[in-house]
Amino acid sequence: MAAVLMGGFRVGEEPRAVVAAGAPQFSNTAELGRLLYTEY
């Protein structure tokens, strides 16, 4: 599992870059609800 998911352990780089660029906040719960009640 560590060999397969080693790239996903870096949790602090990309989110900070998105916030610094001024992109809108992303909500996993809202996106999950949108997918469940539209496509699925």
PDB file of all heavy atoms in Angstrom:
ATOM      1  N   MET A   1       0.825  -1.204   0.000  1.00  0.00           N
ATOM      2  CA  MET A   1       0.000   0.000   0.000  1.00  0.00           C
ATOM      3  C   MET A   1       0.857   1.252   0.000  1.00  0.00           C
ATOM      4  O   MET A   1       0.539   2.252  -0.667  1.00  0.00           O
ATOM      5  CB  MET A   1      -0.934  -0.016   1.210  1.00  0.00           C
ATOM      6  CG  MET A   1      -1.991  -1.099   1.168  1.00  0.00           C
ATOM      7  SD  MET A   1      -3.043  -1.090   2.624  1.00  0.00           S
ATOM      8  CE  MET A   1      -3.801   0.524   2.461  1.00  0.00           C
ATOM      9  N   ALA A   2       1.974   1.224   0.748  1.00  0.00           N
ATOM     10  CA  ALA A   2       2.857   2.389   0.768  1.00  0.00           C
ATOM     11  C   ALA A   2       3.492   2.624  -0.595  1.00  0.00           C
ATOM     12  O   ALA A   2       3.658   3.772  -1.037  1.00  0.00           O
ATOM     13  CB  ALA A   2       3.933   2.200   1.834  1.00  0.00           C
ATOM     14  N   ALA A   3       3.843   1.532  -1.298  1.00  0.00           N
ATOM     15  CA  ALA A   3       4.451   1.691  -2.617  1.00  0.00           C
ATOM     16  C   ALA A   3       3.464   2.256  -3.632  1.00  0.00           C
ATOM     17  O   ALA A   3       3.828   3.036  -4.513  1.00  0.00           O
ATOM     18  CB  ALA A   3       4.984   0.336  -3.103  1.00  0.00           C
ATOM     19  N   VAL A   4       2.178   1.870  -3.488  1.00  0.00           N
ATOM     20  CA  VAL A   4       1.183   2.346  -4.442  1.00  0.00           C
ATOM     21  C   VAL A   4       0.748   3.776  -4.122  1.00  0.00           C
ATOM     22  O   VAL A   4       0.558   4.605  -5.021  1.00  0.00           O
ATOM     23  CB  VAL A   4      -0.031   1.392  -4.453  1.00  0.00           C
ATOM     24  CG1 VAL A   4      -1.151   1.959  -5.320  1.00  0.00           C
ATOM     25  CG2 VAL A   4       0.386   0.020  -4.956  1.00  0.00           C
ATOM     26  N   LEU A   5       0.598   4.090  -2.847  1.00  0.00           N
ATOM     27  CA  LEU A   5       0.025   5.374  -2.439  1.00  0.00           C
ATOM     28  C   LEU A   5       1.059   6.367  -1.937  1.00  0.00           C
ATOM     29  O   LEU A   5       0.708   7.314  -1.243  1.00  0.00           O
ATOM     30  CB  LEU A   5      -1.021   5.142  -1.320  1.00  0.00           C
ATOM     31  CG  LEU A   5      -2.161   4.182  -1.673  1.00  0.00           C
ATOM     32  CD1 LEU A   5      -3.045   3.958  -0.461  1.00  0.00           C
ATOM     33  CD2 LEU A   5      -2.975   4.735  -2.828  1.00  0.00           C
ATOM     34  N   MET A   6       2.310   6.155  -2.232  1.00  0.00           N
ATOM     35  CA  MET A   6       3.339   7.041  -1.708  1.00  0.00           C
ATOM     36  C   MET A   6       3.145   8.476  -2.190  1.00  0.00           C
ATOM     37  O   MET A   6       3.408   9.433  -1.454  1.00  0.00           O
ATOM     38  CB  MET A   6       4.723   6.536  -2.118  1.00  0.00           C
ATOM     39  CG  MET A   6       5.867   7.300  -1.473  1.00  0.00           C
ATOM     40  SD  MET A   6       5.842   7.155   0.333  1.00  0.00           S
ATOM     41  CE  MET A   6       6.265   5.422   0.519  1.00  0.00           C
ATOM     42  N   GLY A   7       2.689   8.651  -3.409  1.00  0.00           N
ATOM     43  CA  GLY A   7       2.486  10.003  -3.909  1.00  0.00           C
ATOM     44  C   GLY A   7       1.347  10.733  -3.234  1.00  0.00           C
ATOM     45  O   GLY A   7       1.328  11.967  -3.180  1.00  0.00           O
ATOM     46  N   GLY A   8       0.378   9.989  -2.683  1.00  0.00           N
ATOM     47  CA  GLY A   8      -0.745  10.635  -2.029  1.00  0.00           C
ATOM     48  C   GLY A   8      -0.482  11.045  -0.600  1.00  0.00           C
ATOM     49  O   GLY A   8      -1.347  11.648   0.041  1.00  0.00           O
ATOM     50  N   PHE A   9       0.698  10.714  -0.042  1.00  0.00           N
ATOM     51  CA  PHE A   9       1.005  11.103   1.330  1.00  0.00           C
ATOM     52  C   PHE A   9       1.418  12.555   1.448  1.00  0.00           C
ATOM     53  O   PHE A   9       1.505  13.085   2.547  1.00  0.00           O
ATOM     54  CB  PHE A   9       2.122  10.216   1.897  1.00  0.00           C
ATOM     55  CG  PHE A   9       1.671   8.807   2.155  1.00  0.00           C
ATOM     56  CD1 PHE A   9       2.596   7.776   2.232  1.00  0.00           C
ATOM     57  CD2 PHE A   9       0.334   8.514   2.312  1.00  0.00           C
ATOM     58  CE1 PHE A   9       2.187   6.481   2.480  1.00  0.00           C
ATOM     59  CE2 PHE A   9      -0.090   7.226   2.553  1.00  0.00           C
ATOM     60  CZ  PHE A   9       0.844   6.202   2.630  1.00  0.00           C
ATOM     61  N   ARG A  10       1.701  13.222   0.341  1.00  0.00           N
ATOM     62  CA  ARG A  10       2.065  14.636   0.402  1.00  0.00           C
ATOM     63  C   ARG A  10       0.781  15.441   0.394  1.00  0.00           C
ATOM     64  O   ARG A  10       0.193  15.708  -0.643  1.00  0.00           O
ATOM     65  CB  ARG A  10       2.938  15.007  -0.803  1.00  0.00           C
ATOM     66  CG  ARG A  10       4.187  14.149  -0.965  1.00  0.00           C
ATOM     67  CD  ARG A  10       5.053  14.676  -2.078  1.00  0.00           C
ATOM     68  NE  ARG A  10       6.161  13.798  -2.346  1.00  0.00           N
ATOM     69  CZ  ARG A  10       6.144  12.842  -3.269  1.00  0.00           C
ATOM     70  NH1 ARG A  10       5.051  12.661  -3.997  1.00  0.00           N
ATOM     71  NH2 ARG A  10       7.205  12.077  -3.464  1.00  0.00           N
ATOM     72  N   VAL A  11       0.325  15.825   1.586  1.00  0.00           N
ATOM     73  CA  VAL A  11      -1.001  16.420   1.731  1.00  0.00           C
ATOM     74  C   VAL A  11      -0.972  17.932   1.831  1.00  0.00           C
ATOM     75  O   VAL A  11      -2.017  18.557   1.890  1.00  0.00           O
ATOM     76  CB  VAL A  11      -1.691  15.846   3.001  1.00  0.00           C
ATOM     77  CG1 VAL A  11      -1.920  14.366   2.843  1.00  0.00           C
ATOM     78  CG2 VAL A  11      -0.836  16.132   4.240  1.00  0.00           C
ATOM     79  N   GLY A  12       0.203  18.552   1.863  1.00  0.00           N
ATOM     80  CA  GLY A  12       0.213  19.971   2.167  1.00  0.00           C
ATOM     81  C   GLY A  12       0.675  20.894   1.065  1.00  0.00           C
ATOM     82  O   GLY A  12       0.854  22.076   1.297  1.00  0.00           O
ATOM     83  N   GLU A  13       0.900  20.398  -0.174  1.00  0.00           N
ATOM     84  CA  GLU A  13       1.487  21.248  -1.200  1.00  0.00           C
ATOM     85  C   GLU A  13       0.430  21.854  -2.132  1.00  0.00           C
ATOM     86  O   GLU A  13       0.284  23.057  -2.217  1.00  0.00           O
ATOM     87  CB  GLU A  13       2.501  20.436  -2.009  1.00  0.00           C
ATOM     88  CG  GLU A  13       3.669  19.947  -1.147  1.00  0.00           C
ATOM     89  CD  GLU A  13       4.624  19.106  -1.957  1.00  0.00           C
ATOM     90  OE1 GLU A  13       4.360  18.921  -3.168  1.00  0.00           O
ATOM     91  OE2 GLU A  13       5.635  18.644  -1.408  1.00  0.00           O
ATOM     92  N   GLU A  14      -0.321  21.017  -2.828  1.00  0.00           N
ATOM     93  CA  GLU A  14      -1.254  21.514  -3.825  1.00  0.00           C
ATOM     94  C   GLU A  14      -2.392  22.349  -3.235  1.00  0.00           C
ATOM     95  O   GLU A  14      -2.740  23.378  -3.798  1.00  0.00           O
ATOM     96  CB  GLU A  14      -1.809  20.345  -4.647  1.00  0.00           C
ATOM     97  CG  GLU A  14      -0.733  19.657  -5.469  1.00  0.00           C
ATOM     98  CD  GLU A  14      -1.329  18.562  -6.309  1.00  0.00           C
ATOM     99  OE1 GLU A  14      -2.559  18.365  -6.224  1.00  0.00           O
ATOM    100  OE2 GLU A  14      -0.584  17.908  -7.055  1.00  0.00           O
ATOM    101  N   PRO A  15      -3.018  21.976  -2.105  1.00  0.00           N
ATOM    102  CA  PRO A  15      -4.085  22.826  -1.572  1.00  0.00           C
ATOM    103  C   PRO A  15      -3.628  24.235  -1.244  1.00  0.00           C
ATOM    104  O   PRO A  15      -4.336  25.201  -1.504  1.00  0.00           O
ATOM    105  CB  PRO A  15      -4.552  22.065  -0.335  1.00  0.00           C
ATOM    106  CG  PRO A  15      -4.203  20.637  -0.632  1.00  0.00           C
ATOM    107  CD  PRO A  15      -2.925  20.713  -1.387  1.00  0.00           C
ATOM    108  N   ARG A  16      -2.412  24.374  -0.694  1.00  0.00           N
ATOM    109  CA  ARG A  16      -1.912  25.710  -0.373  1.00  0.00           C
ATOM    110  C   ARG A  16      -1.681  26.516  -1.658  1.00  0.00           C
ATOM    111  O   ARG A  16      -1.911  27.719  -1.711  1.00  0.00           O
ATOM    112  CB  ARG A  16      -0.629  25.594   0.441  1.00  0.00           C
ATOM    113  CG  ARG A  16      -0.875  25.250   1.908  1.00  0.00           C
ATOM    114  CD  ARG A  16       0.332  25.656   2.730  1.00  0.00           C
ATOM    115  NE  ARG A  16       1.530  24.967   2.296  1.00  0.00           N
ATOM    116  CZ  ARG A  16       1.961  23.826   2.840  1.00  0.00           C
ATOM    117  NH1 ARG A  16       1.264  23.237   3.796  1.00  0.00           N
ATOM    118  NH2 ARG A  16       3.074  23.259   2.407  1.00  0.00           N
ATOM    119  N   ALA A  17      -1.230  25.853  -2.725  1.00  0.00           N
ATOM    120  CA  ALA A  17      -1.014  26.564  -3.988  1.00  0.00           C
ATOM    121  C   ALA A  17      -2.330  27.057  -4.577  1.00  0.00           C
ATOM    122  O   ALA A  17      -2.410  28.147  -5.114  1.00  0.00           O
ATOM    123  CB  ALA A  17      -0.298  25.638  -4.981  1.00  0.00           C
ATOM    124  N   VAL A  18      -3.390  26.255  -4.432  1.00  0.00           N
ATOM    125  CA  VAL A  18      -4.693  26.665  -4.958  1.00  0.00           C
ATOM    126  C   VAL A  18      -5.226  27.860  -4.190  1.00  0.00           C
ATOM    127  O   VAL A  18      -5.743  28.830  -4.752  1.00  0.00           O
ATOM    128  CB  VAL A  18      -5.683  25.473  -4.903  1.00  0.00           C
ATOM    129  CG1 VAL A  18      -7.092  25.938  -5.240  1.00  0.00           C
ATOM    130  CG2 VAL A  18      -5.233  24.378  -5.860  1.00  0.00           C
ATOM    131  N   VAL A  19      -5.113  27.828  -2.860  1.00  0.00           N
ATOM    132  CA  VAL A  19      -5.593  28.945  -2.048  1.00  0.00           C
ATOM    133  C   VAL A  19      -4.782  30.206  -2.327  1.00  0.00           C
ATOM    134  O   VAL A  19      -5.317  31.310  -2.406  1.00  0.00           O
ATOM    135  CB  VAL A  19      -5.546  28.567  -0.557  1.00  0.00           C
ATOM    136  CG1 VAL A  19      -5.888  29.771   0.305  1.00  0.00           C
ATOM    137  CG2 VAL A  19      -6.501  27.420  -0.276  1.00  0.00           C
ATOM    138  N   ALA A  20      -3.460  30.056  -2.517  1.00  0.00           N
ATOM    139  CA  ALA A  20      -2.628  31.230  -2.774  1.00  0.00           C
ATOM    140  C   ALA A  20      -2.947  31.857  -4.131  1.00  0.00           C
ATOM    141  O   ALA A  20      -2.830  33.053  -4.312  1.00  0.00           O
ATOM    142  CB  ALA A  20      -1.149  30.832  -2.721  1.00  0.00           C
ATOM    143  N   ALA A  21      -3.379  31.058  -5.077  1.00  0.00           N
ATOM    144  CA  ALA A  21      -3.699  31.596  -6.393  1.00  0.00           C
ATOM    145  C   ALA A  21      -5.043  32.305  -6.425  1.00  0.00           C
ATOM    146  O   ALA A  21      -5.412  32.877  -7.447  1.00  0.00           O
ATOM    147  CB  ALA A  21      -3.704  30.469  -7.429  1.00  0.00           C
ATOM    148  N   GLY A  22      -5.800  32.248  -5.346  1.00  0.00           N
ATOM    149  CA  GLY A  22      -7.077  32.932  -5.275  1.00  0.00           C
ATOM    150  C   GLY A  22      -8.225  32.168  -5.888  1.00  0.00           C
ATOM    151  O   GLY A  22      -9.250  32.764  -6.249  1.00  0.00           O
ATOM    152  N   ALA A  23      -8.089  30.843  -6.036  1.00  0.00           N
ATOM    153  CA  ALA A  23      -9.173  30.037  -6.602  1.00  0.00           C
ATOM    154  C   ALA A  23     -10.283  29.886  -5.561  1.00  0.00           C
ATOM    155  O   ALA A  23     -10.055  29.992  -4.351  1.00  0.00           O
ATOM    156  CB  ALA A  23      -8.644  28.654  -7.002  1.00  0.00           C
ATOM    157  N   PRO A  24     -11.532  29.666  -5.984  1.00  0.00           N
ATOM    158  CA  PRO A  24     -12.632  29.495  -5.027  1.00  0.00           C
ATOM    159  C   PRO A  24     -12.462  28.236  -4.190  1.00  0.00           C
ATOM    160  O   PRO A  24     -11.820  27.274  -4.610  1.00  0.00           O
ATOM    161  CB  PRO A  24     -13.868  29.413  -5.943  1.00  0.00           C
ATOM    162  CG  PRO A  24     -13.334  28.980  -7.268  1.00  0.00           C
ATOM    163  CD  PRO A  24     -11.966  29.602  -7.373  1.00  0.00           C
ATOM    164  N   GLN A  25     -13.057  28.271  -2.984  1.00  0.00           N
ATOM    165  CA  GLN A  25     -12.952  27.143  -2.075  1.00  0.00           C
ATOM    166  C   GLN A  25     -13.705  25.948  -2.644  1.00  0.00           C
ATOM    167  O   GLN A  25     -14.775  26.088  -3.230  1.00  0.00           O
ATOM    168  CB  GLN A  25     -13.523  27.517  -0.701  1.00  0.00           C
ATOM    169  CG  GLN A  25     -12.747  28.606   0.019  1.00  0.00           C
ATOM    170  CD  GLN A  25     -11.374  28.121   0.431  1.00  0.00           C
ATOM    171  OE1 GLN A  25     -11.169  26.935   0.679  1.00  0.00           O
ATOM    172  NE2 GLN A  25     -10.421  29.035   0.512  1.00  0.00           N
ATOM    173  N   PHE A  26     -13.123  24.779  -2.445  1.00  0.00           N
ATOM    174  CA  PHE A  26     -13.695  23.534  -2.967  1.00  0.00           C
ATOM    175  C   PHE A  26     -14.242  22.726  -1.805  1.00  0.00           C
ATOM    176  O   PHE A  26     -13.579  22.562  -0.771  1.00  0.00           O
ATOM    177  CB  PHE A  26     -12.620  22.737  -3.715  1.00  0.00           C
ATOM    178  CG  PHE A  26     -13.130  21.459  -4.307  1.00  0.00           C
ATOM    179  CD1 PHE A  26     -13.821  21.462  -5.496  1.00  0.00           C
ATOM    180  CD2 PHE A  26     -12.920  20.250  -3.654  1.00  0.00           C
ATOM    181  CE1 PHE A  26     -14.287  20.285  -6.049  1.00  0.00           C
ATOM    182  CE2 PHE A  26     -13.383  19.071  -4.196  1.00  0.00           C
ATOM    183  CZ  PHE A  26     -14.072  19.094  -5.398  1.00  0.00           C
ATOM    184  N   SER A  27     -15.460  22.224  -1.956  1.00  0.00           N
ATOM    185  CA  SER A  27     -16.121  21.445  -0.911  1.00  0.00           C
ATOM    186  C   SER A  27     -16.372  20.039  -1.426  1.00  0.00           C
ATOM    187  O   SER A  27     -17.099  19.850  -2.420  1.00  0.00           O
ATOM    188  CB  SER A  27     -17.443  22.103  -0.489  1.00  0.00           C
ATOM    189  OG  SER A  27     -18.119  21.294   0.453  1.00  0.00           O
ATOM    190  N   ASN A  28     -15.759  19.058  -0.774  1.00  0.00           N
ATOM    191  CA  ASN A  28     -15.981  17.674  -1.164  1.00  0.00           C
ATOM    192  C   ASN A  28     -17.418  17.245  -0.922  1.00  0.00           C
ATOM    193  O   ASN A  28     -17.995  16.488  -1.711  1.00  0.00           O
ATOM    194  CB  ASN A  28     -15.040  16.755  -0.390  1.00  0.00           C
ATOM    195  CG  ASN A  28     -13.598  16.966  -0.787  1.00  0.00           C
ATOM    196  OD1 ASN A  28     -13.305  17.192  -1.952  1.00  0.00           O
ATOM    197  ND2 ASN A  28     -12.698  16.893   0.176  1.00  0.00           N
ATOM    198  N   THR A  29     -18.006  17.716   0.182  1.00  0.00           N
ATOM    199  CA  THR A  29     -19.383  17.330   0.501  1.00  0.00           C
ATOM    200  C   THR A  29     -20.365  17.856  -0.534  1.00  0.00           C
ATOM    201  O   THR A  29     -21.275  17.137  -0.971  1.00  0.00           O
ATOM    202  CB  THR A  29     -19.753  17.864   1.895  1.00  0.00           C
ATOM    203  OG1 THR A  29     -18.782  17.427   2.850  1.00  0.00           O
ATOM    204  CG2 THR A  29     -21.119  17.366   2.318  1.00  0.00           C
ATOM    205  N   ALA A  30     -20.178  19.117  -0.954  1.00  0.00           N
ATOM    206  CA  ALA A  30     -21.072  19.682  -1.967  1.00  0.00           C
ATOM    207  C   ALA A  30     -20.927  18.964  -3.299  1.00  0.00           C
ATOM    208  O   ALA A  30     -21.932  18.676  -3.981  1.00  0.00           O
ATOM    209  CB  ALA A  30     -20.790  21.173  -2.129  1.00  0.00           C
ATOM    210  N   GLU A  31     -19.692  18.643  -3.693  1.00  0.00           N
ATOM    211  CA  GLU A  31     -19.482  17.932  -4.952  1.00  0.00           C
ATOM    212  C   GLU A  31     -20.048  16.514  -4.892  1.00  0.00           C
ATOM    213  O   GLU A  31     -20.619  16.012  -5.863  1.00  0.00           O
ATOM    214  CB  GLU A  31     -17.990  17.887  -5.283  1.00  0.00           C
ATOM    215  CG  GLU A  31     -17.407  19.239  -5.643  1.00  0.00           C
ATOM    216  CD  GLU A  31     -18.046  19.801  -6.905  1.00  0.00           C
ATOM    217  OE1 GLU A  31     -18.358  19.018  -7.823  1.00  0.00           O
ATOM    218  OE2 GLU A  31     -18.241  21.029  -6.974  1.00  0.00           O
ATOM    219  N   LEU A  32     -19.896  15.860  -3.746  1.00  0.00           N
ATOM    220  CA  LEU A  32     -20.450  14.515  -3.602  1.00  0.00           C
ATOM    221  C   LEU A  32     -21.973  14.539  -3.672  1.00  0.00           C
ATOM    222  O   LEU A  32     -22.590  13.683  -4.318  1.00  0.00           O
ATOM    223  CB  LEU A  32     -19.988  13.901  -2.278  1.00  0.00           C
ATOM    224  CG  LEU A  32     -20.422  12.464  -1.996  1.00  0.00           C
ATOM    225  CD1 LEU A  32     -19.894  11.518  -3.068  1.00  0.00           C
ATOM    226  CD2 LEU A  32     -19.941  12.021  -0.623  1.00  0.00           C
ATOM    227  N   GLY A  33     -22.586  15.524  -3.007  1.00  0.00           N
ATOM    228  CA  GLY A  33     -24.038  15.652  -3.095  1.00  0.00           C
ATOM    229  C   GLY A  33     -24.508  15.961  -4.504  1.00  0.00           C
ATOM    230  O   GLY A  33     -25.537  15.436  -4.961  1.00  0.00           O
ATOM    231  N   ARG A  34     -23.763  16.796  -5.211  1.00  0.00           N
ATOM    232  CA  ARG A  34     -24.146  17.120  -6.589  1.00  0.00           C
ATOM    233  C   ARG A  34     -24.078  15.891  -7.484  1.00  0.00           C
ATOM    234  O   ARG A  34     -24.969  15.641  -8.305  1.00  0.00           O
ATOM    235  CB  ARG A  34     -23.230  18.217  -7.137  1.00  0.00           C
ATOM    236  CG  ARG A  34     -23.595  18.710  -8.523  1.00  0.00           C
ATOM    237  CD  ARG A  34     -22.582  19.717  -9.019  1.00  0.00           C
ATOM    238  NE  ARG A  34     -21.262  19.114  -9.166  1.00  0.00           N
ATOM    239  CZ  ARG A  34     -20.899  18.355 -10.207  1.00  0.00           C
ATOM    240  NH1 ARG A  34     -21.752  18.123 -11.198  1.00  0.00           N
ATOM    241  NH2 ARG A  34     -19.683  17.848 -10.268  1.00  0.00           N
ATOM    242  N   LEU A  35     -23.017  15.075  -7.314  1.00  0.00           N
ATOM    243  CA  LEU A  35     -22.901  13.859  -8.119  1.00  0.00           C
ATOM    244  C   LEU A  35     -23.976  12.835  -7.771  1.00  0.00           C
ATOM    245  O   LEU A  35     -24.539  12.173  -8.651  1.00  0.00           O
ATOM    246  CB  LEU A  35     -21.507  13.245  -7.920  1.00  0.00           C
ATOM    247  CG  LEU A  35     -20.335  13.994  -8.554  1.00  0.00           C
ATOM    248  CD1 LEU A  35     -19.025  13.335  -8.188  1.00  0.00           C
ATOM    249  CD2 LEU A  35     -20.500  14.056 -10.071  1.00  0.00           C
ATOM    250  N   LEU A  36     -24.274  12.709  -6.478  1.00  0.00           N
ATOM    251  CA  LEU A  36     -25.265  11.709  -6.076  1.00  0.00           C
ATOM    252  C   LEU A  36     -26.653  12.038  -6.597  1.00  0.00           C
ATOM    253  O   LEU A  36     -27.393  11.141  -7.018  1.00  0.00           O
ATOM    254  CB  LEU A  36     -25.299  11.586  -4.544  1.00  0.00           C
ATOM    255  CG  LEU A  36     -24.160  10.820  -3.882  1.00  0.00           C
ATOM    256  CD1 LEU A  36     -24.318  10.834  -2.371  1.00  0.00           C
ATOM    257  CD2 LEU A  36     -24.117   9.381  -4.376  1.00  0.00           C
ATOM    258  N   TYR A  37     -27.015  13.321  -6.570  1.00  0.00           N
ATOM    259  CA  TYR A  37     -28.379  13.703  -6.930  1.00  0.00           C
ATOM    260  C   TYR A  37     -28.506  14.203  -8.357  1.00  0.00           C
ATOM    261  O   TYR A  37     -29.553  14.734  -8.724  1.00  0.00           O
ATOM    262  CB  TYR A  37     -28.884  14.764  -5.963  1.00  0.00           C
ATOM    263  CG  TYR A  37     -29.089  14.220  -4.569  1.00  0.00           C
ATOM    264  CD1 TYR A  37     -28.150  14.462  -3.580  1.00  0.00           C
ATOM    265  CD2 TYR A  37     -30.203  13.443  -4.253  1.00  0.00           C
ATOM    266  CE1 TYR A  37     -28.321  13.949  -2.301  1.00  0.00           C
ATOM    267  CE2 TYR A  37     -30.375  12.930  -2.982  1.00  0.00           C
ATOM    268  CZ  TYR A  37     -29.436  13.181  -2.014  1.00  0.00           C
ATOM    269  OH  TYR A  37     -29.595  12.669  -0.757  1.00  0.00           O
ATOM    270  N   THR A  38     -27.454  14.058  -9.167  1.00  0.00           N
ATOM    271  CA  THR A  38     -27.563  14.398 -10.585  1.00  0.00           C
ATOM    272  C   THR A  38     -27.186  13.196 -11.458  1.00  0.00           C
ATOM    273  O   THR A  38     -28.051  12.588 -12.089  1.00  0.00           O
ATOM    274  CB  THR A  38     -26.658  15.599 -10.912  1.00  0.00           C
ATOM    275  OG1 THR A  38     -25.312  15.313 -10.473  1.00  0.00           O
ATOM    276  CG2 THR A  38     -27.157  16.854 -10.229  1.00  0.00           C
ATOM    277  N   GLU A  39     -25.923  12.827 -11.449  1.00  0.00           N
ATOM    278  CA  GLU A  39     -25.469  11.740 -12.316  1.00  0.00           C
ATOM    279  C   GLU A  39     -25.824  10.361 -11.760  1.00  0.00           C
ATOM    280  O   GLU A  39     -26.064   9.420 -12.532  1.00  0.00           O
ATOM    281  CB  GLU A  39     -23.960  11.840 -12.538  1.00  0.00           C
ATOM    282  CG  GLU A  39     -23.521  13.113 -13.240  1.00  0.00           C
ATOM    283  CD  GLU A  39     -22.040  13.143 -13.490  1.00  0.00           C
ATOM    284  OE1 GLU A  39     -21.393  12.085 -13.312  1.00  0.00           O
ATOM    285  OE2 GLU A  39     -21.524  14.214 -13.870  1.00  0.00           O
ATOM    286  N   TYR A  40     -25.821  10.224 -10.435  1.00  0.00           N
ATOM    287  CA  TYR A  40     -26.082   8.916  -9.815  1.00  0.00           C
ATOM    288  C   TYR A  40     -27.404   8.911  -9.054  1.00  0.00           C
ATOM    289  O   TYR A  40     -27.534   8.250  -8.021  1.00  0.00           O
ATOM    290  CB  TYR A  40     -24.932   8.553  -8.865  1.00  0.00           C
ATOM    291  CG  TYR A  40     -23.592   8.437  -9.554  1.00  0.00           C
ATOM    292  CD1 TYR A  40     -22.706   9.508  -9.574  1.00  0.00           C
ATOM    293  CD2 TYR A  40     -23.226   7.251 -10.187  1.00  0.00           C
ATOM    294  CE1 TYR A  40     -21.481   9.408 -10.204  1.00  0.00           C
ATOM    295  CE2 TYR A  40     -22.003   7.144 -10.829  1.00  0.00           C
ATOM    296  CZ  TYR A  40     -21.138   8.223 -10.834  1.00  0.00           C
ATOM    297  OH  TYR A  40     -19.927   8.105 -11.460  1.00  0.00           O
TER     298      TYR A  40
END
